[in-house]
PDB file of all heavy atoms in Angstrom:
ATOM      1  N   ILE A   1       1.368   8.066   6.960  1.00  0.00           N
ATOM      2  CA  ILE A   1       2.432   7.867   6.074  1.00  0.00           C
ATOM      3  C   ILE A   1       3.316   9.189   6.022  1.00  0.00           C
ATOM      4  O   ILE A   1       4.505   9.223   5.602  1.00  0.00           O
ATOM      5  CB  ILE A   1       2.115   7.537   4.612  1.00  0.00           C
ATOM      6  CG1 ILE A   1       1.339   8.559   3.986  1.00  0.00           C
ATOM      7  CG2 ILE A   1       1.506   6.169   4.535  1.00  0.00           C
ATOM      8  CD1 ILE A   1       1.017   8.295   2.461  1.00  0.00           C
ATOM      9  N   SER A   2       2.760  10.230   6.653  1.00  0.00           N
ATOM     10  CA  SER A   2       3.465  11.544   6.709  1.00  0.00           C
ATOM     11  C   SER A   2       4.217  11.731   7.937  1.00  0.00           C
ATOM     12  O   SER A   2       5.117  12.537   8.066  1.00  0.00           O
ATOM     13  CB  SER A   2       2.433  12.730   6.546  1.00  0.00           C
ATOM     14  OG  SER A   2       1.781  12.627   5.267  1.00  0.00           O
ATOM     15  N   THR A   3       3.695  11.004   9.035  1.00  0.00           N
ATOM     16  CA  THR A   3       4.349  11.261  10.378  1.00  0.00           C
ATOM     17  C   THR A   3       5.065  10.078  11.014  1.00  0.00           C
ATOM     18  O   THR A   3       5.883  10.158  11.787  1.00  0.00           O
ATOM     19  CB  THR A   3       3.292  11.771  11.288  1.00  0.00           C
ATOM     20  OG1 THR A   3       2.238  10.785  11.435  1.00  0.00           O
ATOM     21  CG2 THR A   3       2.752  13.111  10.764  1.00  0.00           C
ATOM     22  N   HIS A   4       4.655   8.882  10.619  1.00  0.00           N
ATOM     23  CA  HIS A   4       5.258   7.649  11.272  1.00  0.00           C
ATOM     24  C   HIS A   4       6.650   7.451  10.715  1.00  0.00           C
ATOM     25  O   HIS A   4       7.002   7.800   9.550  1.00  0.00           O
ATOM     26  CB  HIS A   4       4.425   6.386  10.912  1.00  0.00           C
ATOM     27  CG  HIS A   4       4.873   5.206  11.693  1.00  0.00           C
ATOM     28  ND1 HIS A   4       5.859   4.431  11.299  1.00  0.00           N
ATOM     29  CD2 HIS A   4       4.315   4.711  12.798  1.00  0.00           C
ATOM     30  CE1 HIS A   4       5.962   3.358  12.109  1.00  0.00           C
ATOM     31  NE2 HIS A   4       4.996   3.543  13.071  1.00  0.00           N
ATOM     32  N   PRO A   5       7.561   7.005  11.596  1.00  0.00           N
ATOM     33  CA  PRO A   5       8.900   6.722  11.116  1.00  0.00           C
ATOM     34  C   PRO A   5       9.008   6.005   9.831  1.00  0.00           C
ATOM     35  O   PRO A   5       9.911   6.304   8.964  1.00  0.00           O
ATOM     36  CB  PRO A   5       9.593   6.037  12.325  1.00  0.00           C
ATOM     37  CG  PRO A   5       8.840   6.551  13.477  1.00  0.00           C
ATOM     38  CD  PRO A   5       7.437   6.753  13.042  1.00  0.00           C
ATOM     39  N   TYR A   6       8.140   4.986   9.637  1.00  0.00           N
ATOM     40  CA  TYR A   6       8.206   4.236   8.344  1.00  0.00           C
ATOM     41  C   TYR A   6       7.869   5.148   7.170  1.00  0.00           C
ATOM     42  O   TYR A   6       8.589   5.111   6.151  1.00  0.00           O
ATOM     43  CB  TYR A   6       7.131   3.180   8.427  1.00  0.00           C
ATOM     44  CG  TYR A   6       7.458   1.903   9.238  1.00  0.00           C
ATOM     45  CD1 TYR A   6       8.591   1.751   9.847  1.00  0.00           C
ATOM     46  CD2 TYR A   6       6.459   0.787   9.270  1.00  0.00           C
ATOM     47  CE1 TYR A   6       8.895   0.620  10.604  1.00  0.00           C
ATOM     48  CE2 TYR A   6       6.758  -0.249   9.994  1.00  0.00           C
ATOM     49  CZ  TYR A   6       7.972  -0.381  10.696  1.00  0.00           C
ATOM     50  OH  TYR A   6       8.116  -1.528  11.443  1.00  0.00           O
ATOM     51  N   GLY A   7       6.955   6.079   7.384  1.00  0.00           N
ATOM     52  CA  GLY A   7       6.563   6.945   6.288  1.00  0.00           C
ATOM     53  C   GLY A   7       7.605   7.978   5.987  1.00  0.00           C
ATOM     54  O   GLY A   7       7.877   8.278   4.877  1.00  0.00           O
ATOM     55  N   ILE A   8       8.250   8.529   7.050  1.00  0.00           N
ATOM     56  CA  ILE A   8       9.304   9.528   6.946  1.00  0.00           C
ATOM     57  C   ILE A   8      10.469   8.920   6.185  1.00  0.00           C
ATOM     58  O   ILE A   8      11.115   9.432   5.267  1.00  0.00           O
ATOM     59  CB  ILE A   8       9.731  10.061   8.301  1.00  0.00           C
ATOM     60  CG1 ILE A   8       8.620  10.853   8.826  1.00  0.00           C
ATOM     61  CG2 ILE A   8      10.926  10.886   8.149  1.00  0.00           C
ATOM     62  CD1 ILE A   8       8.647  11.239  10.287  1.00  0.00           C
ATOM     63  N   LYS A   9      10.816   7.605   6.586  1.00  0.00           N
ATOM     64  CA  LYS A   9      11.907   6.927   5.909  1.00  0.00           C
ATOM     65  C   LYS A   9      11.671   6.743   4.466  1.00  0.00           C
ATOM     66  O   LYS A   9      12.557   6.839   3.614  1.00  0.00           O
ATOM     67  CB  LYS A   9      12.239   5.626   6.609  1.00  0.00           C
ATOM     68  CG  LYS A   9      13.535   4.869   6.064  1.00  0.00           C
ATOM     69  CD  LYS A   9      13.769   3.692   6.963  1.00  0.00           C
ATOM     70  CE  LYS A   9      15.126   2.987   6.429  1.00  0.00           C
ATOM     71  NZ  LYS A   9      15.452   1.826   7.291  1.00  0.00           N
ATOM     72  N   GLU A  10      10.475   6.331   4.117  1.00  0.00           N
ATOM     73  CA  GLU A  10      10.103   6.137   2.703  1.00  0.00           C
ATOM     74  C   GLU A  10      10.066   7.375   1.953  1.00  0.00           C
ATOM     75  O   GLU A  10      10.461   7.502   0.726  1.00  0.00           O
ATOM     76  CB  GLU A  10       8.707   5.465   2.559  1.00  0.00           C
ATOM     77  CG  GLU A  10       8.267   4.942   1.268  1.00  0.00           C
ATOM     78  CD  GLU A  10       8.977   3.698   0.832  1.00  0.00           C
ATOM     79  OE1 GLU A  10      10.010   3.409   1.475  1.00  0.00           O
ATOM     80  OE2 GLU A  10       8.635   3.104  -0.078  1.00  0.00           O
ATOM     81  N   MET A  11       9.625   8.427   2.536  1.00  0.00           N
ATOM     82  CA  MET A  11       9.649   9.713   1.904  1.00  0.00           C
ATOM     83  C   MET A  11      10.981  10.172   1.508  1.00  0.00           C
ATOM     84  O   MET A  11      11.300  10.803   0.471  1.00  0.00           O
ATOM     85  CB  MET A  11       9.047  10.821   2.900  1.00  0.00           C
ATOM     86  CG  MET A  11       9.088  12.277   2.439  1.00  0.00           C
ATOM     87  SD  MET A  11       8.751  13.546   3.643  1.00  0.00           S
ATOM     88  CE  MET A  11      10.385  13.421   4.686  1.00  0.00           C
ATOM     89  N   GLU A  12      11.963   9.833   2.409  1.00  0.00           N
ATOM     90  CA  GLU A  12      13.422  10.200   2.182  1.00  0.00           C
ATOM     91  C   GLU A  12      14.133   9.256   1.276  1.00  0.00           C
ATOM     92  O   GLU A  12      15.327   9.521   0.980  1.00  0.00           O
ATOM     93  CB  GLU A  12      14.133  10.229   3.459  1.00  0.00           C
ATOM     94  CG  GLU A  12      13.591  11.380   4.409  1.00  0.00           C
ATOM     95  CD  GLU A  12      14.152  11.416   5.815  1.00  0.00           C
ATOM     96  OE1 GLU A  12      14.792  10.302   6.190  1.00  0.00           O
ATOM     97  OE2 GLU A  12      14.025  12.390   6.579  1.00  0.00           O
ATOM     98  N   ALA A  13      13.506   8.192   0.800  1.00  0.00           N
ATOM     99  CA  ALA A  13      14.129   7.256  -0.154  1.00  0.00           C
ATOM    100  C   ALA A  13      14.648   7.904  -1.406  1.00  0.00           C
ATOM    101  O   ALA A  13      13.904   8.859  -1.951  1.00  0.00           O
ATOM    102  CB  ALA A  13      13.188   6.100  -0.537  1.00  0.00           C
ATOM    103  N   THR A  14      15.766   7.558  -1.890  1.00  0.00           N
ATOM    104  CA  THR A  14      16.393   8.152  -3.031  1.00  0.00           C
ATOM    105  C   THR A  14      16.116   7.603  -4.411  1.00  0.00           C
ATOM    106  O   THR A  14      16.600   7.986  -5.437  1.00  0.00           O
ATOM    107  CB  THR A  14      17.890   8.356  -2.858  1.00  0.00           C
ATOM    108  OG1 THR A  14      18.452   6.999  -2.750  1.00  0.00           O
ATOM    109  CG2 THR A  14      18.246   9.109  -1.580  1.00  0.00           C
ATOM    110  N   ASN A  15      15.199   6.529  -4.409  1.00  0.00           N
ATOM    111  CA  ASN A  15      14.898   5.874  -5.682  1.00  0.00           C
ATOM    112  C   ASN A  15      13.378   5.838  -5.935  1.00  0.00           C
ATOM    113  O   ASN A  15      12.730   6.781  -5.369  1.00  0.00           O
ATOM    114  CB  ASN A  15      15.468   4.499  -5.703  1.00  0.00           C
ATOM    115  CG  ASN A  15      14.893   3.590  -4.595  1.00  0.00           C
ATOM    116  OD1 ASN A  15      14.102   4.086  -3.734  1.00  0.00           O
ATOM    117  ND2 ASN A  15      15.349   2.384  -4.602  1.00  0.00           N
ATOM    118  N   ASN A  16      12.922   4.868  -6.679  1.00  0.00           N
ATOM    119  CA  ASN A  16      11.456   4.730  -6.924  1.00  0.00           C
ATOM    120  C   ASN A  16      10.531   4.708  -5.689  1.00  0.00           C
ATOM    121  O   ASN A  16       9.313   5.206  -5.739  1.00  0.00           O
ATOM    122  CB  ASN A  16      11.183   3.607  -7.786  1.00  0.00           C
ATOM    123  CG  ASN A  16      11.340   2.279  -7.169  1.00  0.00           C
ATOM    124  OD1 ASN A  16      10.663   1.736  -6.307  1.00  0.00           O
ATOM    125  ND2 ASN A  16      12.529   1.708  -7.369  1.00  0.00           N
ATOM    126  N   HIS A  17      11.099   4.386  -4.506  1.00  0.00           N
ATOM    127  CA  HIS A  17      10.224   4.280  -3.342  1.00  0.00           C
ATOM    128  C   HIS A  17       9.902   5.757  -2.898  1.00  0.00           C
ATOM    129  O   HIS A  17       8.843   6.053  -2.507  1.00  0.00           O
ATOM    130  CB  HIS A  17      11.022   3.551  -2.139  1.00  0.00           C
ATOM    131  CG  HIS A  17      10.893   2.048  -2.337  1.00  0.00           C
ATOM    132  ND1 HIS A  17       9.886   1.412  -1.606  1.00  0.00           N
ATOM    133  CD2 HIS A  17      11.524   1.187  -2.944  1.00  0.00           C
ATOM    134  CE1 HIS A  17       9.998   0.091  -1.866  1.00  0.00           C
ATOM    135  NE2 HIS A  17      11.049  -0.016  -2.739  1.00  0.00           N
ATOM    136  N   GLY A  18      10.828   6.697  -3.051  1.00  0.00           N
ATOM    137  CA  GLY A  18      10.504   8.109  -2.735  1.00  0.00           C
ATOM    138  C   GLY A  18       9.473   8.625  -3.714  1.00  0.00           C
ATOM    139  O   GLY A  18       8.646   9.430  -3.195  1.00  0.00           O
ATOM    140  N   THR A  19       9.688   8.321  -4.920  1.00  0.00           N
ATOM    141  CA  THR A  19       8.782   8.768  -5.956  1.00  0.00           C
ATOM    142  C   THR A  19       7.349   8.297  -5.611  1.00  0.00           C
ATOM    143  O   THR A  19       6.341   9.040  -5.776  1.00  0.00           O
ATOM    144  CB  THR A  19       9.105   8.323  -7.367  1.00  0.00           C
ATOM    145  OG1 THR A  19      10.592   8.531  -7.527  1.00  0.00           O
ATOM    146  CG2 THR A  19       8.335   9.115  -8.369  1.00  0.00           C
ATOM    147  N   CYS A  20       7.374   7.010  -5.290  1.00  0.00           N
ATOM    148  CA  CYS A  20       5.958   6.441  -5.069  1.00  0.00           C
ATOM    149  C   CYS A  20       5.333   6.987  -3.768  1.00  0.00           C
ATOM    150  O   CYS A  20       4.084   6.920  -3.696  1.00  0.00           O
ATOM    151  CB  CYS A  20       6.065   4.843  -5.136  1.00  0.00           C
ATOM    152  SG  CYS A  20       6.290   4.121  -6.739  1.00  0.00           S
ATOM    153  N   TRP A  21       6.167   7.224  -2.795  1.00  0.00           N
ATOM    154  CA  TRP A  21       5.611   7.854  -1.611  1.00  0.00           C
ATOM    155  C   TRP A  21       4.932   9.192  -1.967  1.00  0.00           C
ATOM    156  O   TRP A  21       3.771   9.502  -1.589  1.00  0.00           O
ATOM    157  CB  TRP A  21       6.719   8.194  -0.475  1.00  0.00           C
ATOM    158  CG  TRP A  21       6.088   8.803   0.723  1.00  0.00           C
ATOM    159  CD1 TRP A  21       5.761   8.221   1.710  1.00  0.00           C
ATOM    160  CD2 TRP A  21       6.019  10.246   0.872  1.00  0.00           C
ATOM    161  NE1 TRP A  21       5.372   9.135   2.731  1.00  0.00           N
ATOM    162  CE2 TRP A  21       5.423  10.429   2.188  1.00  0.00           C
ATOM    163  CE3 TRP A  21       6.261  11.356   0.179  1.00  0.00           C
ATOM    164  CZ2 TRP A  21       5.145  11.702   2.787  1.00  0.00           C
ATOM    165  CZ3 TRP A  21       5.973  12.584   0.602  1.00  0.00           C
ATOM    166  CH2 TRP A  21       5.491  12.742   1.957  1.00  0.00           C
ATOM    167  N   ALA A  22       5.566  10.003  -2.762  1.00  0.00           N
ATOM    168  CA  ALA A  22       5.097  11.236  -3.094  1.00  0.00           C
ATOM    169  C   ALA A  22       3.836  11.127  -4.088  1.00  0.00           C
ATOM    170  O   ALA A  22       2.753  11.804  -3.884  1.00  0.00           O
ATOM    171  CB  ALA A  22       6.123  12.170  -3.911  1.00  0.00           C
ATOM    172  N   MET A  23       3.827  10.096  -4.937  1.00  0.00           N
ATOM    173  CA  MET A  23       2.768   9.926  -5.896  1.00  0.00           C
ATOM    174  C   MET A  23       1.507   9.550  -5.023  1.00  0.00           C
ATOM    175  O   MET A  23       0.433  10.079  -5.234  1.00  0.00           O
ATOM    176  CB  MET A  23       3.102   8.705  -6.742  1.00  0.00           C
ATOM    177  CG  MET A  23       1.831   8.276  -7.729  1.00  0.00           C
ATOM    178  SD  MET A  23       2.488   7.057  -8.856  1.00  0.00           S
ATOM    179  CE  MET A  23       2.837   5.641  -7.692  1.00  0.00           C
ATOM    180  N   GLN A  24       1.674   8.653  -3.952  1.00  0.00           N
ATOM    181  CA  GLN A  24       0.595   8.433  -3.174  1.00  0.00           C
ATOM    182  C   GLN A  24       0.012   9.631  -2.300  1.00  0.00           C
ATOM    183  O   GLN A  24      -1.079   9.837  -2.233  1.00  0.00           O
ATOM    184  CB  GLN A  24       0.924   7.138  -2.240  1.00  0.00           C
ATOM    185  CG  GLN A  24       1.205   5.895  -2.862  1.00  0.00           C
ATOM    186  CD  GLN A  24       1.476   4.805  -1.880  1.00  0.00           C
ATOM    187  OE1 GLN A  24       0.491   4.394  -1.134  1.00  0.00           O
ATOM    188  NE2 GLN A  24       2.682   4.300  -1.742  1.00  0.00           N
ATOM    189  N   THR A  25       1.012  10.201  -1.570  1.00  0.00           N
ATOM    190  CA  THR A  25       0.658  11.218  -0.803  1.00  0.00           C
ATOM    191  C   THR A  25      -0.111  12.333  -1.529  1.00  0.00           C
ATOM    192  O   THR A  25      -1.085  12.894  -1.209  1.00  0.00           O
ATOM    193  CB  THR A  25       1.961  11.882  -0.123  1.00  0.00           C
ATOM    194  OG1 THR A  25       2.533  10.852   0.613  1.00  0.00           O
ATOM    195  CG2 THR A  25       1.615  13.115   0.653  1.00  0.00           C
ATOM    196  N   ALA A  26       0.363  12.631  -2.867  1.00  0.00           N
ATOM    197  CA  ALA A  26      -0.247  13.685  -3.688  1.00  0.00           C
ATOM    198  C   ALA A  26      -1.668  13.352  -3.944  1.00  0.00           C
ATOM    199  O   ALA A  26      -2.607  14.088  -3.856  1.00  0.00           O
ATOM    200  CB  ALA A  26       0.499  13.868  -4.884  1.00  0.00           C
ATOM    201  N   MET A  27      -1.941  12.037  -4.250  1.00  0.00           N
ATOM    202  CA  MET A  27      -3.294  11.581  -4.681  1.00  0.00           C
ATOM    203  C   MET A  27      -4.178  11.583  -3.357  1.00  0.00           C
ATOM    204  O   MET A  27      -5.375  12.017  -3.494  1.00  0.00           O
ATOM    205  CB  MET A  27      -3.215  10.131  -5.221  1.00  0.00           C
ATOM    206  CG  MET A  27      -4.584   9.682  -5.724  1.00  0.00           C
ATOM    207  SD  MET A  27      -5.164  10.613  -7.189  1.00  0.00           S
ATOM    208  CE  MET A  27      -6.532  11.460  -6.626  1.00  0.00           C
ATOM    209  N   PHE A  28      -3.754  11.046  -2.294  1.00  0.00           N
ATOM    210  CA  PHE A  28      -4.673  10.939  -1.106  1.00  0.00           C
ATOM    211  C   PHE A  28      -4.841  12.415  -0.511  1.00  0.00           C
ATOM    212  O   PHE A  28      -5.903  12.687   0.000  1.00  0.00           O
ATOM    213  CB  PHE A  28      -3.862  10.142  -0.046  1.00  0.00           C
ATOM    214  CG  PHE A  28      -3.577   8.729  -0.566  1.00  0.00           C
ATOM    215  CD1 PHE A  28      -2.624   7.905   0.137  1.00  0.00           C
ATOM    216  CD2 PHE A  28      -4.328   8.154  -1.642  1.00  0.00           C
ATOM    217  CE1 PHE A  28      -2.253   6.741  -0.427  1.00  0.00           C
ATOM    218  CE2 PHE A  28      -3.962   7.002  -1.954  1.00  0.00           C
ATOM    219  CZ  PHE A  28      -2.967   6.200  -1.447  1.00  0.00           C
ATOM    220  N   ALA A  29      -3.737  13.271  -0.748  1.00  0.00           N
ATOM    221  CA  ALA A  29      -3.999  14.709  -0.321  1.00  0.00           C
ATOM    222  C   ALA A  29      -5.071  15.339  -1.175  1.00  0.00           C
ATOM    223  O   ALA A  29      -5.882  16.176  -0.761  1.00  0.00           O
ATOM    224  CB  ALA A  29      -2.664  15.434  -0.311  1.00  0.00           C
ATOM    225  N   LYS A  30      -5.003  15.167  -2.473  1.00  0.00           N
ATOM    226  CA  LYS A  30      -6.002  15.759  -3.301  1.00  0.00           C
ATOM    227  C   LYS A  30      -7.328  15.223  -3.011  1.00  0.00           C
ATOM    228  O   LYS A  30      -8.257  16.028  -3.031  1.00  0.00           O
ATOM    229  CB  LYS A  30      -5.598  15.276  -4.807  1.00  0.00           C
ATOM    230  CG  LYS A  30      -6.508  16.084  -5.803  1.00  0.00           C
ATOM    231  CD  LYS A  30      -5.893  15.665  -7.277  1.00  0.00           C
ATOM    232  CE  LYS A  30      -6.720  16.444  -8.324  1.00  0.00           C
ATOM    233  NZ  LYS A  30      -6.051  16.129  -9.679  1.00  0.00           N
ATOM    234  N   PHE A  31      -7.492  13.981  -2.674  1.00  0.00           N
ATOM    235  CA  PHE A  31      -8.903  13.360  -2.365  1.00  0.00           C
ATOM    236  C   PHE A  31      -9.269  14.000  -1.195  1.00  0.00           C
ATOM    237  O   PHE A  31     -10.586  14.185  -0.991  1.00  0.00           O
ATOM    238  CB  PHE A  31      -8.689  11.814  -2.251  1.00  0.00           C
ATOM    239  CG  PHE A  31      -9.936  11.215  -1.981  1.00  0.00           C
ATOM    240  CD1 PHE A  31     -11.044  11.336  -2.805  1.00  0.00           C
ATOM    241  CD2 PHE A  31     -10.140  10.383  -0.932  1.00  0.00           C
ATOM    242  CE1 PHE A  31     -12.300  10.704  -2.579  1.00  0.00           C
ATOM    243  CE2 PHE A  31     -11.289   9.706  -0.441  1.00  0.00           C
ATOM    244  CZ  PHE A  31     -12.389   9.956  -1.342  1.00  0.00           C
ATOM    245  N   THR A  32      -8.448  14.268  -0.230  1.00  0.00           N
ATOM    246  CA  THR A  32      -8.977  14.753   1.147  1.00  0.00           C
ATOM    247  C   THR A  32      -8.831  16.214   1.232  1.00  0.00           C
ATOM    248  O   THR A  32      -9.189  16.861   2.292  1.00  0.00           O
ATOM    249  CB  THR A  32      -8.034  14.109   2.276  1.00  0.00           C
ATOM    250  OG1 THR A  32      -6.761  14.385   2.108  1.00  0.00           O
ATOM    251  CG2 THR A  32      -8.297  12.637   2.211  1.00  0.00           C
ATOM    252  N   GLY A  33      -8.368  16.907   0.207  1.00  0.00           N
ATOM    253  CA  GLY A  33      -8.355  18.369   0.182  1.00  0.00           C
ATOM    254  C   GLY A  33      -7.189  18.946   0.926  1.00  0.00           C
ATOM    255  O   GLY A  33      -7.271  20.103   1.521  1.00  0.00           O
ATOM    256  N   ASN A  34      -6.062  18.222   1.197  1.00  0.00           N
ATOM    257  CA  ASN A  34      -5.008  18.585   1.921  1.00  0.00           C
ATOM    258  C   ASN A  34      -3.968  19.360   1.010  1.00  0.00           C
ATOM    259  O   ASN A  34      -3.041  18.789   0.456  1.00  0.00           O
ATOM    260  CB  ASN A  34      -4.367  17.470   2.571  1.00  0.00           C
ATOM    261  CG  ASN A  34      -3.336  17.895   3.757  1.00  0.00           C
ATOM    262  OD1 ASN A  34      -2.569  18.847   3.555  1.00  0.00           O
ATOM    263  ND2 ASN A  34      -3.146  17.130   4.779  1.00  0.00           N
ATOM    264  N   LYS A  35      -4.175  20.682   0.809  1.00  0.00           N
ATOM    265  CA  LYS A  35      -3.336  21.505  -0.066  1.00  0.00           C
ATOM    266  C   LYS A  35      -1.921  21.461   0.291  1.00  0.00           C
ATOM    267  O   LYS A  35      -1.010  21.608  -0.498  1.00  0.00           O
ATOM    268  CB  LYS A  35      -3.990  22.825  -0.277  1.00  0.00           C
ATOM    269  CG  LYS A  35      -5.348  22.767  -1.104  1.00  0.00           C
ATOM    270  CD  LYS A  35      -5.884  24.220  -1.259  1.00  0.00           C
ATOM    271  CE  LYS A  35      -7.234  24.061  -2.049  1.00  0.00           C
ATOM    272  NZ  LYS A  35      -7.837  25.443  -2.244  1.00  0.00           N
ATOM    273  N   GLU A  36      -1.730  21.531   1.597  1.00  0.00           N
ATOM    274  CA  GLU A  36      -0.340  21.630   2.125  1.00  0.00           C
ATOM    275  C   GLU A  36       0.518  20.512   1.661  1.00  0.00           C
ATOM    276  O   GLU A  36       1.655  20.607   1.246  1.00  0.00           O
ATOM    277  CB  GLU A  36      -0.344  21.747   3.699  1.00  0.00           C
ATOM    278  CG  GLU A  36       1.018  21.827   4.231  1.00  0.00           C
ATOM    279  CD  GLU A  36       1.037  21.923   5.804  1.00  0.00           C
ATOM    280  OE1 GLU A  36      -0.133  21.934   6.447  1.00  0.00           O
ATOM    281  OE2 GLU A  36       2.025  21.807   6.489  1.00  0.00           O
TER     282      GLU A  36
END
């Protein structure tokens, strides 16, 4: 979701889709220890 074109497009969404991309990314990064 961080590198595929689908993920990049969702990351750049200007509404709730962008918020939800970040919400998921943050949680999955926390679980896997990805501080970056």
